[in-house]
């Protein structure tokens, strides 16, 4: 019973990821949750409204619209609503604008001294940043640990700044930007 009750309190991004919408992974789910706030608003969003969210292109917007337009998925959503599982974006998502890493994207490579890769990802996201898997011109920082992979070479080629774990902590604290 406690586990069932706890499932009712899942954040919107977690539920969106679990729904299995094509093209909607953890990062995209966080972005959609921040942009729309709840399942009602997201389910009614047009393709044009979806494409206003950073990273959502025509393929992803079509996949999201297709998912919400299917009768079987609408029945699933109704079951969730009746069961009391109707998440809204967390207050963390709503207050991201005031956070130190807002608007920045990060790639993590190598082994960090005190954080696992998942912990680093959670830390960055909790402070408004976005974690992506590959380096591009849009990458704000490469977080480099011990034994980094080829991402360091790519970042250097593109001129992406590098920080270590301590540098990431300084960014979060607002000492450098």
C-alpha atoms as a PDB file:
ATOM      1  CA  UNK A   1       0.000   0.000   0.000  1.00  0.00           C
ATOM      2  CA  UNK A   2       2.864   2.384   0.820  1.00  0.00           C
ATOM      3  CA  UNK A   3       4.465   1.737  -2.580  1.00  0.00           C
ATOM      4  CA  UNK A   4       1.178   2.419  -4.359  1.00  0.00           C
ATOM      5  CA  UNK A   5       0.748   5.644  -2.421  1.00  0.00           C
ATOM      6  CA  UNK A   6       4.326   6.699  -3.215  1.00  0.00           C
ATOM      7  CA  UNK A   7       3.735   6.117  -6.938  1.00  0.00           C
ATOM      8  CA  UNK A   8       1.026   8.774  -6.843  1.00  0.00           C
ATOM      9  CA  UNK A   9       3.646  11.370  -5.964  1.00  0.00           C
ATOM     10  CA  UNK A  10       5.961  10.772  -8.921  1.00  0.00           C
ATOM     11  CA  UNK A  11       7.116  13.912 -10.741  1.00  0.00           C
ATOM     12  CA  UNK A  12       5.620  14.599 -14.160  1.00  0.00           C
ATOM     13  CA  UNK A  13       8.950  14.051 -15.929  1.00  0.00           C
ATOM     14  CA  UNK A  14       9.271  10.573 -14.402  1.00  0.00           C
ATOM     15  CA  UNK A  15       5.771   9.618 -15.541  1.00  0.00           C
ATOM     16  CA  UNK A  16       6.401  11.011 -19.043  1.00  0.00           C
ATOM     17  CA  UNK A  17       9.558   8.925 -19.330  1.00  0.00           C
ATOM     18  CA  UNK A  18       7.673   5.830 -18.167  1.00  0.00           C
ATOM     19  CA  UNK A  19       4.904   6.291 -20.744  1.00  0.00           C
ATOM     20  CA  UNK A  20       7.321   5.237 -23.474  1.00  0.00           C
ATOM     21  CA  UNK A  21       6.589   8.025 -25.927  1.00  0.00           C
ATOM     22  CA  UNK A  22       8.987   7.666 -28.877  1.00  0.00           C
ATOM     23  CA  UNK A  23      11.750  10.279 -28.665  1.00  0.00           C
ATOM     24  CA  UNK A  24      10.941  11.283 -25.083  1.00  0.00           C
ATOM     25  CA  UNK A  25      13.757  10.257 -22.758  1.00  0.00           C
ATOM     26  CA  UNK A  26      14.672  11.715 -19.376  1.00  0.00           C
ATOM     27  CA  UNK A  27      15.967  15.057 -20.672  1.00  0.00           C
ATOM     28  CA  UNK A  28      13.099  15.643 -23.094  1.00  0.00           C
ATOM     29  CA  UNK A  29      10.596  14.635 -20.387  1.00  0.00           C
ATOM     30  CA  UNK A  30      12.073  17.266 -18.040  1.00  0.00           C
ATOM     31  CA  UNK A  31      11.836  19.900 -20.771  1.00  0.00           C
ATOM     32  CA  UNK A  32       8.222  18.999 -21.594  1.00  0.00           C
ATOM     33  CA  UNK A  33       7.270  18.931 -17.899  1.00  0.00           C
ATOM     34  CA  UNK A  34       8.800  22.382 -17.413  1.00  0.00           C
ATOM     35  CA  UNK A  35       7.085  23.776 -20.494  1.00  0.00           C
ATOM     36  CA  UNK A  36       3.586  22.365 -19.969  1.00  0.00           C
ATOM     37  CA  UNK A  37       3.300  21.739 -16.213  1.00  0.00           C
ATOM     38  CA  UNK A  38       0.824  18.841 -16.275  1.00  0.00           C
ATOM     39  CA  UNK A  39      -0.522  15.999 -18.390  1.00  0.00           C
ATOM     40  CA  UNK A  40      -3.690  17.912 -19.346  1.00  0.00           C
ATOM     41  CA  UNK A  41      -1.768  20.770 -20.930  1.00  0.00           C
ATOM     42  CA  UNK A  42       0.697  18.437 -22.631  1.00  0.00           C
ATOM     43  CA  UNK A  43      -2.041  16.174 -23.992  1.00  0.00           C
ATOM     44  CA  UNK A  44      -3.768  19.187 -25.589  1.00  0.00           C
ATOM     45  CA  UNK A  45      -0.606  20.798 -26.992  1.00  0.00           C
ATOM     46  CA  UNK A  46      -0.463  21.238 -30.753  1.00  0.00           C
ATOM     47  CA  UNK A  47       2.578  20.254 -32.786  1.00  0.00           C
ATOM     48  CA  UNK A  48       3.453  23.941 -33.097  1.00  0.00           C
ATOM     49  CA  UNK A  49       3.286  24.439 -29.326  1.00  0.00           C
ATOM     50  CA  UNK A  50       5.425  21.354 -28.753  1.00  0.00           C
ATOM     51  CA  UNK A  51       8.047  22.572 -31.225  1.00  0.00           C
ATOM     52  CA  UNK A  52       8.504  25.770 -29.206  1.00  0.00           C
ATOM     53  CA  UNK A  53      10.212  23.617 -26.550  1.00  0.00           C
ATOM     54  CA  UNK A  54      13.978  23.524 -27.067  1.00  0.00           C
ATOM     55  CA  UNK A  55      15.034  20.264 -28.678  1.00  0.00           C
ATOM     56  CA  UNK A  56      11.570  19.329 -29.968  1.00  0.00           C
ATOM     57  CA  UNK A  57      11.482  19.052 -33.730  1.00  0.00           C
ATOM     58  CA  UNK A  58       8.821  17.828 -36.139  1.00  0.00           C
ATOM     59  CA  UNK A  59       9.555  14.122 -35.505  1.00  0.00           C
ATOM     60  CA  UNK A  60       9.302  14.392 -31.726  1.00  0.00           C
ATOM     61  CA  UNK A  61       6.218  16.618 -31.825  1.00  0.00           C
ATOM     62  CA  UNK A  62       4.544  14.140 -34.204  1.00  0.00           C
ATOM     63  CA  UNK A  63       5.433  11.239 -31.881  1.00  0.00           C
ATOM     64  CA  UNK A  64       4.031  13.065 -28.830  1.00  0.00           C
ATOM     65  CA  UNK A  65       0.833  14.037 -30.673  1.00  0.00           C
ATOM     66  CA  UNK A  66       0.466  10.470 -32.002  1.00  0.00           C
ATOM     67  CA  UNK A  67       0.839   9.032 -28.485  1.00  0.00           C
ATOM     68  CA  UNK A  68      -1.823  11.297 -26.983  1.00  0.00           C
ATOM     69  CA  UNK A  69      -4.164  10.826 -29.977  1.00  0.00           C
ATOM     70  CA  UNK A  70      -4.329   7.021 -29.607  1.00  0.00           C
ATOM     71  CA  UNK A  71      -7.526   5.816 -27.930  1.00  0.00           C
ATOM     72  CA  UNK A  72      -5.693   3.125 -25.957  1.00  0.00           C
ATOM     73  CA  UNK A  73      -3.347   5.725 -24.479  1.00  0.00           C
ATOM     74  CA  UNK A  74      -6.248   8.048 -23.602  1.00  0.00           C
ATOM     75  CA  UNK A  75      -7.821   5.098 -21.717  1.00  0.00           C
ATOM     76  CA  UNK A  76      -4.506   4.568 -19.893  1.00  0.00           C
ATOM     77  CA  UNK A  77      -4.414   8.244 -18.892  1.00  0.00           C
ATOM     78  CA  UNK A  78      -7.985   8.017 -17.616  1.00  0.00           C
ATOM     79  CA  UNK A  79      -7.024   4.998 -15.476  1.00  0.00           C
ATOM     80  CA  UNK A  80      -4.087   6.960 -14.067  1.00  0.00           C
ATOM     81  CA  UNK A  81      -6.368   9.900 -13.266  1.00  0.00           C
ATOM     82  CA  UNK A  82      -8.893   7.628 -11.495  1.00  0.00           C
ATOM     83  CA  UNK A  83      -6.059   6.021  -9.520  1.00  0.00           C
ATOM     84  CA  UNK A  84      -4.922   9.439  -8.333  1.00  0.00           C
ATOM     85  CA  UNK A  85      -1.751   9.454 -10.431  1.00  0.00           C
ATOM     86  CA  UNK A  86      -1.944  12.827 -12.159  1.00  0.00           C
ATOM     87  CA  UNK A  87       1.419  14.480 -11.703  1.00  0.00           C
ATOM     88  CA  UNK A  88       2.308  18.096 -12.172  1.00  0.00           C
ATOM     89  CA  UNK A  89       5.733  19.545 -12.804  1.00  0.00           C
ATOM     90  CA  UNK A  90       7.686  19.713  -9.568  1.00  0.00           C
ATOM     91  CA  UNK A  91       8.292  23.059  -7.924  1.00  0.00           C
ATOM     92  CA  UNK A  92      11.941  22.486  -8.879  1.00  0.00           C
ATOM     93  CA  UNK A  93      10.950  22.604 -12.524  1.00  0.00           C
ATOM     94  CA  UNK A  94       8.786  25.657 -12.003  1.00  0.00           C
ATOM     95  CA  UNK A  95      11.541  27.576 -10.230  1.00  0.00           C
ATOM     96  CA  UNK A  96      14.354  26.651 -12.582  1.00  0.00           C
ATOM     97  CA  UNK A  97      14.627  30.203 -13.943  1.00  0.00           C
ATOM     98  CA  UNK A  98      16.388  31.386 -10.771  1.00  0.00           C
ATOM     99  CA  UNK A  99      18.925  28.570 -10.785  1.00  0.00           C
ATOM    100  CA  UNK A 100      22.609  29.001 -11.508  1.00  0.00           C
ATOM    101  CA  UNK A 101      22.846  26.522 -14.399  1.00  0.00           C
ATOM    102  CA  UNK A 102      19.691  27.631 -16.213  1.00  0.00           C
ATOM    103  CA  UNK A 103      20.196  27.658 -19.965  1.00  0.00           C
ATOM    104  CA  UNK A 104      23.460  25.719 -19.839  1.00  0.00           C
ATOM    105  CA  UNK A 105      24.043  22.258 -21.274  1.00  0.00           C
ATOM    106  CA  UNK A 106      26.640  19.798 -20.002  1.00  0.00           C
ATOM    107  CA  UNK A 107      28.288  16.599 -21.140  1.00  0.00           C
ATOM    108  CA  UNK A 108      29.934  14.444 -18.465  1.00  0.00           C
ATOM    109  CA  UNK A 109      32.915  12.228 -19.318  1.00  0.00           C
ATOM    110  CA  UNK A 110      35.322  10.182 -17.221  1.00  0.00           C
ATOM    111  CA  UNK A 111      35.142   9.216 -13.562  1.00  0.00           C
ATOM    112  CA  UNK A 112      34.525  12.082 -11.136  1.00  0.00           C
ATOM    113  CA  UNK A 113      36.176  12.042  -7.686  1.00  0.00           C
ATOM    114  CA  UNK A 114      33.038  12.020  -5.506  1.00  0.00           C
ATOM    115  CA  UNK A 115      30.035  11.870  -7.844  1.00  0.00           C
ATOM    116  CA  UNK A 116      28.753   8.987  -9.919  1.00  0.00           C
ATOM    117  CA  UNK A 117      27.650   9.925 -13.424  1.00  0.00           C
ATOM    118  CA  UNK A 118      23.992   9.703 -12.310  1.00  0.00           C
ATOM    119  CA  UNK A 119      24.711  11.903  -9.271  1.00  0.00           C
ATOM    120  CA  UNK A 120      26.421  14.491 -11.499  1.00  0.00           C
ATOM    121  CA  UNK A 121      23.464  14.440 -13.877  1.00  0.00           C
ATOM    122  CA  UNK A 122      20.988  14.870 -11.018  1.00  0.00           C
ATOM    123  CA  UNK A 123      23.045  17.694  -9.517  1.00  0.00           C
ATOM    124  CA  UNK A 124      23.190  19.585 -12.809  1.00  0.00           C
ATOM    125  CA  UNK A 125      19.470  19.126 -13.449  1.00  0.00           C
ATOM    126  CA  UNK A 126      18.571  20.125  -9.887  1.00  0.00           C
ATOM    127  CA  UNK A 127      20.294  23.461 -10.540  1.00  0.00           C
ATOM    128  CA  UNK A 128      18.516  24.101 -13.831  1.00  0.00           C
ATOM    129  CA  UNK A 129      21.116  22.694 -16.252  1.00  0.00           C
ATOM    130  CA  UNK A 130      20.629  20.183 -19.006  1.00  0.00           C
ATOM    131  CA  UNK A 131      22.740  17.049 -19.461  1.00  0.00           C
ATOM    132  CA  UNK A 132      23.222  15.748 -22.984  1.00  0.00           C
ATOM    133  CA  UNK A 133      25.105  12.694 -24.173  1.00  0.00           C
ATOM    134  CA  UNK A 134      27.234  14.102 -26.967  1.00  0.00           C
ATOM    135  CA  UNK A 135      29.360  17.212 -27.460  1.00  0.00           C
ATOM    136  CA  UNK A 136      28.193  19.813 -29.982  1.00  0.00           C
ATOM    137  CA  UNK A 137      28.636  23.534 -30.598  1.00  0.00           C
ATOM    138  CA  UNK A 138      25.651  24.070 -28.283  1.00  0.00           C
ATOM    139  CA  UNK A 139      27.372  22.355 -25.337  1.00  0.00           C
ATOM    140  CA  UNK A 140      28.133  24.915 -22.608  1.00  0.00           C
ATOM    141  CA  UNK A 141      30.613  22.811 -20.592  1.00  0.00           C
ATOM    142  CA  UNK A 142      32.304  19.444 -20.671  1.00  0.00           C
ATOM    143  CA  UNK A 143      32.607  18.050 -17.138  1.00  0.00           C
ATOM    144  CA  UNK A 144      35.841  16.041 -17.198  1.00  0.00           C
ATOM    145  CA  UNK A 145      36.825  13.330 -14.757  1.00  0.00           C
ATOM    146  CA  UNK A 146      39.623  10.779 -14.632  1.00  0.00           C
ATOM    147  CA  UNK A 147      40.117   8.647 -17.793  1.00  0.00           C
ATOM    148  CA  UNK A 148      37.880  10.722 -20.064  1.00  0.00           C
ATOM    149  CA  UNK A 149      36.897   9.391 -23.452  1.00  0.00           C
ATOM    150  CA  UNK A 150      36.977  10.872 -26.934  1.00  0.00           C
ATOM    151  CA  UNK A 151      34.506  13.570 -25.920  1.00  0.00           C
ATOM    152  CA  UNK A 152      37.460  15.660 -24.677  1.00  0.00           C
ATOM    153  CA  UNK A 153      38.976  15.751 -28.173  1.00  0.00           C
ATOM    154  CA  UNK A 154      35.641  16.703 -29.712  1.00  0.00           C
ATOM    155  CA  UNK A 155      35.074  19.438 -27.109  1.00  0.00           C
ATOM    156  CA  UNK A 156      38.533  20.895 -27.696  1.00  0.00           C
ATOM    157  CA  UNK A 157      37.994  20.859 -31.446  1.00  0.00           C
ATOM    158  CA  UNK A 158      34.722  22.793 -30.973  1.00  0.00           C
ATOM    159  CA  UNK A 159      36.131  25.127 -28.296  1.00  0.00           C
ATOM    160  CA  UNK A 160      33.794  23.874 -25.558  1.00  0.00           C
ATOM    161  CA  UNK A 161      35.052  24.895 -22.084  1.00  0.00           C
ATOM    162  CA  UNK A 162      36.075  22.105 -19.728  1.00  0.00           C
ATOM    163  CA  UNK A 163      35.519  21.953 -15.973  1.00  0.00           C
ATOM    164  CA  UNK A 164      36.311  19.317 -13.401  1.00  0.00           C
ATOM    165  CA  UNK A 165      34.028  18.382 -10.503  1.00  0.00           C
ATOM    166  CA  UNK A 166      35.298  21.331  -8.424  1.00  0.00           C
ATOM    167  CA  UNK A 167      34.668  23.676 -11.344  1.00  0.00           C
ATOM    168  CA  UNK A 168      31.120  22.352 -11.641  1.00  0.00           C
ATOM    169  CA  UNK A 169      30.575  23.046  -7.935  1.00  0.00           C
ATOM    170  CA  UNK A 170      31.869  26.618  -8.460  1.00  0.00           C
ATOM    171  CA  UNK A 171      29.424  27.136 -11.327  1.00  0.00           C
ATOM    172  CA  UNK A 172      26.592  25.976  -9.111  1.00  0.00           C
ATOM    173  CA  UNK A 173      27.738  28.267  -6.309  1.00  0.00           C
ATOM    174  CA  UNK A 174      27.853  31.138  -8.783  1.00  0.00           C
ATOM    175  CA  UNK A 175      31.572  31.944  -8.328  1.00  0.00           C
ATOM    176  CA  UNK A 176      32.255  31.755 -12.056  1.00  0.00           C
ATOM    177  CA  UNK A 177      30.163  31.590 -15.152  1.00  0.00           C
END
